[in-house]
Amino acid sequence: NEANKYVADMSRKANAGWAVMPCCIRSGLYLRGASILDLSSEDRYKVLCGVFAEANDARLVRKISRDITARPIIIARWGMLSDRSSCAGEEGGGSRDSLEFVVKRGAMPPL
């Protein structure tokens, strides 16, 4: 929905970090006319989270336990004054229920 976009836009204007856990993302906000066909609801959600992350220059996409929520992806970016994209760390790791990876460049900061 528009709330995720609003959070990222307002945070960017304030040079602040942001984090969202989208429950739904309208494809029309990001896909410029592309259609998503023949995907399950779960696969559609994953695709649109990736599209949202790329559109908003996210630095972190992380899956949390489905025991917490049915839409278990958190997307984040650190603020300009505290951008930790060059901090030491490793990509990957984690179990299937705690898949972690960094979007674009950089390393995983401690959460």
Protein backbone atom coordinates (compact mmCIF):
# COMPACT_ATOMS: atom_id res chain seq x y z
CA ASN A 1 0.00 0.00 0.00
CA GLU A 2 1.01 3.63 -0.12
CA ALA A 3 2.14 3.71 3.53
CA ASN A 4 5.37 1.87 2.72
CA LYS A 5 6.20 4.32 -0.07
CA TYR A 6 5.32 7.25 2.19
CA VAL A 7 7.67 6.00 4.95
CA ALA A 8 10.57 5.58 2.51
CA ASP A 9 9.96 8.95 0.81
CA MET A 10 9.65 10.92 4.05
CA SER A 11 12.69 9.24 5.59
CA ARG A 12 14.77 9.93 2.49
CA LYS A 13 13.83 13.64 2.64
CA ALA A 14 14.93 13.74 6.30
CA ASN A 15 18.14 11.74 5.66
CA ALA A 16 16.80 9.16 8.08
CA GLY A 17 16.72 5.40 7.94
CA TRP A 18 13.53 3.43 7.49
CA ALA A 19 12.15 -0.07 7.83
CA VAL A 20 8.86 -1.50 6.58
CA MET A 21 7.12 -4.87 6.74
CA PRO A 22 4.73 -4.66 3.81
CA CYS A 23 1.52 -6.62 4.09
CA CYS A 24 0.50 -5.65 0.57
CA ILE A 25 2.07 -3.69 -2.26
CA ARG A 26 0.11 -2.44 -5.24
CA SER A 27 1.93 -3.42 -8.42
CA GLY A 28 0.78 -0.20 -10.10
CA LEU A 29 2.92 1.87 -7.73
CA TYR A 30 6.16 0.36 -9.04
CA LEU A 31 5.73 -1.74 -12.19
CA ARG A 32 4.79 0.93 -14.74
CA GLY A 33 2.20 -1.17 -16.53
CA ALA A 34 3.80 -4.61 -16.23
CA SER A 35 1.34 -7.37 -15.33
CA ILE A 36 1.94 -10.09 -12.77
CA LEU A 37 0.20 -13.22 -14.02
CA ASP A 38 -0.06 -16.82 -12.84
CA LEU A 39 1.82 -16.32 -9.57
CA SER A 40 0.64 -17.48 -6.21
CA SER A 41 -0.14 -14.79 -3.66
CA GLU A 42 3.07 -15.66 -1.80
CA ASP A 43 5.23 -15.46 -4.94
CA ARG A 44 3.57 -12.19 -5.98
CA TYR A 45 4.33 -10.77 -2.51
CA LYS A 46 8.00 -11.77 -2.79
CA VAL A 47 8.36 -10.25 -6.26
CA LEU A 48 6.75 -6.98 -5.20
CA CYS A 49 8.91 -6.78 -2.05
CA GLY A 50 11.96 -7.02 -4.32
CA VAL A 51 10.57 -4.38 -6.63
CA PHE A 52 9.85 -2.10 -3.64
CA ALA A 53 13.35 -2.67 -2.23
CA GLU A 54 15.01 -1.79 -5.54
CA ALA A 55 12.78 1.25 -6.14
CA ASN A 56 13.65 2.61 -2.70
CA ASP A 57 17.38 1.76 -2.66
CA ALA A 58 17.00 -0.64 0.27
CA ARG A 59 20.08 -2.09 1.93
CA LEU A 60 18.41 -5.00 3.71
CA VAL A 61 15.73 -7.53 2.89
CA ARG A 62 15.15 -10.12 5.58
CA LYS A 63 12.63 -12.87 6.10
CA ILE A 64 11.40 -13.40 9.65
CA SER A 65 9.47 -16.33 11.09
CA ARG A 66 6.01 -17.03 9.69
CA ASP A 67 4.98 -17.59 13.31
CA ILE A 68 5.08 -13.79 13.66
CA THR A 69 3.21 -12.78 10.50
CA ALA A 70 1.95 -14.26 7.25
CA ARG A 71 3.84 -11.53 5.36
CA PRO A 72 7.30 -12.08 6.86
CA ILE A 73 9.63 -9.76 4.92
CA ILE A 74 11.28 -6.69 6.41
CA ILE A 75 12.89 -4.15 4.08
CA ALA A 76 15.20 -1.40 5.39
CA ARG A 77 17.67 1.34 4.57
CA TRP A 78 19.91 3.22 6.95
CA GLY A 79 19.93 7.00 6.95
CA MET A 80 22.52 8.99 5.01
CA LEU A 81 24.33 9.98 8.20
CA SER A 82 24.55 6.40 9.41
CA ASP A 83 24.67 4.40 6.17
CA ARG A 84 26.30 1.14 7.19
CA SER A 85 26.61 -0.32 3.71
CA SER A 86 30.38 -0.62 4.10
CA CYS A 87 30.45 -2.27 7.52
CA ALA A 88 32.10 -5.66 7.98
CA GLY A 89 29.96 -8.73 7.87
CA GLU A 90 28.91 -11.67 5.79
CA GLU A 91 26.11 -12.13 3.33
CA GLY A 92 23.88 -15.15 3.49
CA GLY A 93 23.77 -17.56 6.34
CA GLY A 94 20.77 -18.25 8.47
CA SER A 95 18.18 -20.95 8.23
CA ARG A 96 15.31 -21.20 5.79
CA ASP A 97 13.12 -19.32 8.31
CA SER A 98 15.65 -16.52 8.80
CA LEU A 99 16.97 -15.96 5.29
CA GLU A 100 19.10 -12.83 5.20
CA PHE A 101 20.66 -11.01 2.31
CA VAL A 102 21.69 -7.49 1.45
CA VAL A 103 20.27 -5.67 -1.52
CA LYS A 104 22.84 -4.07 -3.83
CA ARG A 105 26.20 -3.64 -2.09
CA GLY A 106 27.31 -3.85 1.49
CA ALA A 107 27.28 -6.22 4.37
CA MET A 108 24.80 -7.24 7.01
CA PRO A 109 25.00 -5.01 10.09
CA PRO A 110 23.97 -6.50 13.41
CA LEU A 111 20.25 -6.18 14.08
